[in-house]
Amino acid sequence: MRHDPEVDLGSAAIPPLGPVLDFMRVVWAFDHALQRRSKHMETTLGITAPQRLAIRVLGRFPGMQAGQLAKVLHLHPGTLSGILKRLERRGLISRRADPRDRRCAAVGLTAAGRTFNVEAEGTVEAAMQATFDRLDEAKIKTTAEVLGLLTDSLGGAAAG
């Protein structure tokens, strides 16, 4: 497929680009929407989407080690470390030496952190739930499988 620089799309619909490029456009739009919602969450709720996800997971698994949380969230440990430092500075989480392994830190929510561990409007999670409510389980599972395979093909989520 050749790109013709003379074509003026103006207000016309985007022509089909083929399955790969069309899918990439949707993925880029999704990523952009995630970033916008995360910034909006920071303004309205005081925490970003990744910080909220960490809080929600820690709410389900209190005392989880930071390394385990990085794996669950598919984040590089250094990236997670920055998220946890910001949450700790705000008094939303606490870290303590894990009694089973003093080299590791167990992470838990503080009372203030638990106030964020609830369903809330305007979050990425709420938008996803609203979408999931309109889809059958098979479509959700297939979408997750496709995104997982793409993540693997790109080198894994925590690779960078």
Protein backbone atom coordinates (compact mmCIF):
# COMPACT_ATOMS: atom_id res chain seq x y z
CA MET A 1 0.00 0.00 0.00
CA ARG A 2 1.43 3.36 -1.06
CA HIS A 3 0.84 6.62 0.81
CA ASP A 4 -0.21 9.41 -1.56
CA PRO A 5 0.76 12.78 -0.04
CA GLU A 6 -1.64 14.54 -2.45
CA VAL A 7 -4.73 13.04 -0.83
CA ASP A 8 -6.72 15.56 1.22
CA LEU A 9 -8.94 13.70 3.66
CA GLY A 10 -10.50 16.90 4.99
CA SER A 11 -13.59 15.91 6.89
CA ALA A 12 -13.96 12.63 5.01
CA ALA A 13 -13.88 9.33 6.85
CA ILE A 14 -10.49 7.68 7.28
CA PRO A 15 -10.06 5.14 4.49
CA PRO A 16 -9.39 1.53 5.51
CA LEU A 17 -5.68 1.04 6.14
CA GLY A 18 -5.73 -2.73 6.41
CA PRO A 19 -6.27 -4.85 9.52
CA VAL A 20 -2.91 -4.19 11.17
CA LEU A 21 -2.84 -0.41 10.76
CA ASP A 22 -6.56 -0.09 11.53
CA PHE A 23 -6.05 -2.08 14.75
CA MET A 24 -2.97 -0.01 15.63
CA ARG A 25 -5.03 3.18 15.27
CA VAL A 26 -7.57 1.79 17.74
CA VAL A 27 -4.82 0.75 20.19
CA TRP A 28 -3.18 4.22 19.98
CA ALA A 29 -6.58 5.87 20.54
CA PHE A 30 -7.17 3.58 23.55
CA ASP A 31 -3.74 4.42 24.99
CA HIS A 32 -4.41 8.14 24.52
CA ALA A 33 -7.81 7.81 26.21
CA LEU A 34 -6.20 5.96 29.15
CA GLN A 35 -3.65 8.76 29.57
CA ARG A 36 -6.35 11.46 29.38
CA ARG A 37 -8.55 9.67 31.93
CA SER A 38 -5.55 9.15 34.23
CA LYS A 39 -4.75 12.90 34.14
CA HIS A 40 -8.42 13.69 34.78
CA MET A 41 -8.41 11.28 37.73
CA GLU A 42 -5.35 12.99 39.16
CA THR A 43 -7.14 16.34 38.96
CA THR A 44 -10.49 15.16 40.32
CA LEU A 45 -9.58 12.28 42.66
CA GLY A 46 -5.98 13.11 43.52
CA ILE A 47 -4.51 9.86 42.17
CA THR A 48 -3.56 8.60 38.72
CA ALA A 49 -4.94 5.44 37.12
CA PRO A 50 -1.76 3.39 37.83
CA GLN A 51 -1.77 4.58 41.46
CA ARG A 52 -5.44 3.63 41.80
CA LEU A 53 -4.83 0.21 40.27
CA ALA A 54 -2.04 -0.40 42.78
CA ILE A 55 -4.38 0.64 45.61
CA ARG A 56 -7.18 -1.62 44.34
CA VAL A 57 -4.85 -4.64 44.11
CA LEU A 58 -3.36 -3.95 47.55
CA GLY A 59 -6.89 -3.69 48.90
CA ARG A 60 -7.51 -7.25 47.76
CA PHE A 61 -4.10 -8.57 48.81
CA PRO A 62 -2.90 -6.67 51.91
CA GLY A 63 0.74 -7.21 52.75
CA MET A 64 1.74 -8.14 49.20
CA GLN A 65 5.44 -7.77 48.48
CA ALA A 66 6.39 -4.97 46.10
CA GLY A 67 7.95 -7.46 43.67
CA GLN A 68 4.73 -9.47 43.56
CA LEU A 69 2.73 -6.29 42.94
CA ALA A 70 5.04 -5.38 40.04
CA LYS A 71 4.33 -8.78 38.48
CA VAL A 72 0.57 -8.50 38.98
CA LEU A 73 0.53 -5.01 37.43
CA HIS A 74 2.96 -5.96 34.63
CA LEU A 75 5.23 -3.09 35.63
CA HIS A 76 8.99 -2.85 35.81
CA PRO A 77 9.99 -2.79 39.51
CA GLY A 78 11.56 0.66 39.01
CA THR A 79 8.31 2.03 37.60
CA LEU A 80 6.34 0.54 40.49
CA SER A 81 8.84 1.96 42.96
CA GLY A 82 8.01 5.49 41.78
CA ILE A 83 4.27 4.83 42.10
CA LEU A 84 4.71 3.42 45.61
CA LYS A 85 6.93 6.34 46.71
CA ARG A 86 4.26 8.83 45.65
CA LEU A 87 1.53 6.85 47.42
CA GLU A 88 3.65 6.52 50.55
CA ARG A 89 4.45 10.26 50.56
CA ARG A 90 0.71 10.96 50.48
CA GLY A 91 0.12 8.57 53.37
CA LEU A 92 -1.98 6.15 51.29
CA ILE A 93 0.25 3.10 51.72
CA SER A 94 2.77 1.86 54.24
CA ARG A 95 5.75 -0.38 53.68
CA ARG A 96 7.28 -2.60 56.30
CA ALA A 97 9.88 -5.31 56.27
CA ASP A 98 8.24 -8.59 55.37
CA PRO A 99 8.46 -10.85 58.44
CA ARG A 100 9.03 -13.86 56.15
CA ASP A 101 11.89 -12.18 54.27
CA ARG A 102 13.48 -9.06 55.77
CA ARG A 103 14.99 -8.13 52.37
CA CYS A 104 11.49 -7.56 50.98
CA ALA A 105 8.91 -4.95 51.81
CA ALA A 106 5.28 -5.83 52.46
CA VAL A 107 2.97 -3.10 51.22
CA GLY A 108 -0.43 -2.27 52.67
CA LEU A 109 -3.05 0.43 52.58
CA THR A 110 -3.34 2.98 55.34
CA ALA A 111 -6.73 4.21 56.55
CA ALA A 112 -6.43 7.08 54.05
CA GLY A 113 -5.52 4.62 51.30
CA ARG A 114 -8.56 2.49 52.04
CA THR A 115 -10.79 5.45 51.20
CA PHE A 116 -9.58 5.10 47.58
CA ASN A 117 -10.25 1.35 47.54
CA VAL A 118 -13.88 1.74 46.50
CA GLU A 119 -15.70 1.89 43.20
CA ALA A 120 -15.70 5.46 41.92
CA GLU A 121 -17.15 7.29 38.95
CA GLY A 122 -14.75 8.91 36.51
CA THR A 123 -12.13 6.18 36.82
CA VAL A 124 -10.64 3.95 34.15
CA GLU A 125 -12.10 1.04 36.08
CA ALA A 126 -15.64 2.51 35.93
CA ALA A 127 -15.35 3.11 32.18
CA MET A 128 -14.17 -0.45 31.64
CA GLN A 129 -16.98 -1.85 33.80
CA ALA A 130 -19.55 0.15 31.82
CA THR A 131 -18.11 -1.29 28.61
CA PHE A 132 -17.95 -4.83 30.01
CA ASP A 133 -21.62 -4.53 30.99
CA ARG A 134 -22.43 -4.16 27.27
CA LEU A 135 -20.33 -7.14 26.13
CA ASP A 136 -20.62 -10.87 26.53
CA GLU A 137 -17.93 -12.74 28.44
CA ALA A 138 -16.53 -14.39 25.28
CA LYS A 139 -15.75 -11.00 23.67
CA ILE A 140 -14.05 -9.77 26.82
CA LYS A 141 -11.96 -12.94 27.04
CA THR A 142 -11.00 -12.79 23.35
CA THR A 143 -10.01 -9.13 23.63
CA ALA A 144 -7.85 -9.87 26.68
CA GLU A 145 -6.20 -12.77 24.83
CA VAL A 146 -5.43 -10.60 21.78
CA LEU A 147 -3.99 -7.81 23.93
CA GLY A 148 -1.93 -10.34 25.89
CA LEU A 149 -0.50 -11.85 22.71
CA LEU A 150 0.31 -8.38 21.35
CA THR A 151 2.01 -7.49 24.63
CA ASP A 152 4.11 -10.65 24.39
CA SER A 153 4.99 -9.90 20.75
CA LEU A 154 6.12 -6.43 21.73
CA GLY A 155 8.48 -7.82 24.36
CA GLY A 156 6.28 -8.01 27.44
CA ALA A 157 4.73 -5.27 29.53
CA ALA A 158 7.49 -5.05 32.13
CA ALA A 159 10.36 -5.13 29.62
CA GLY A 160 10.74 -1.38 29.33
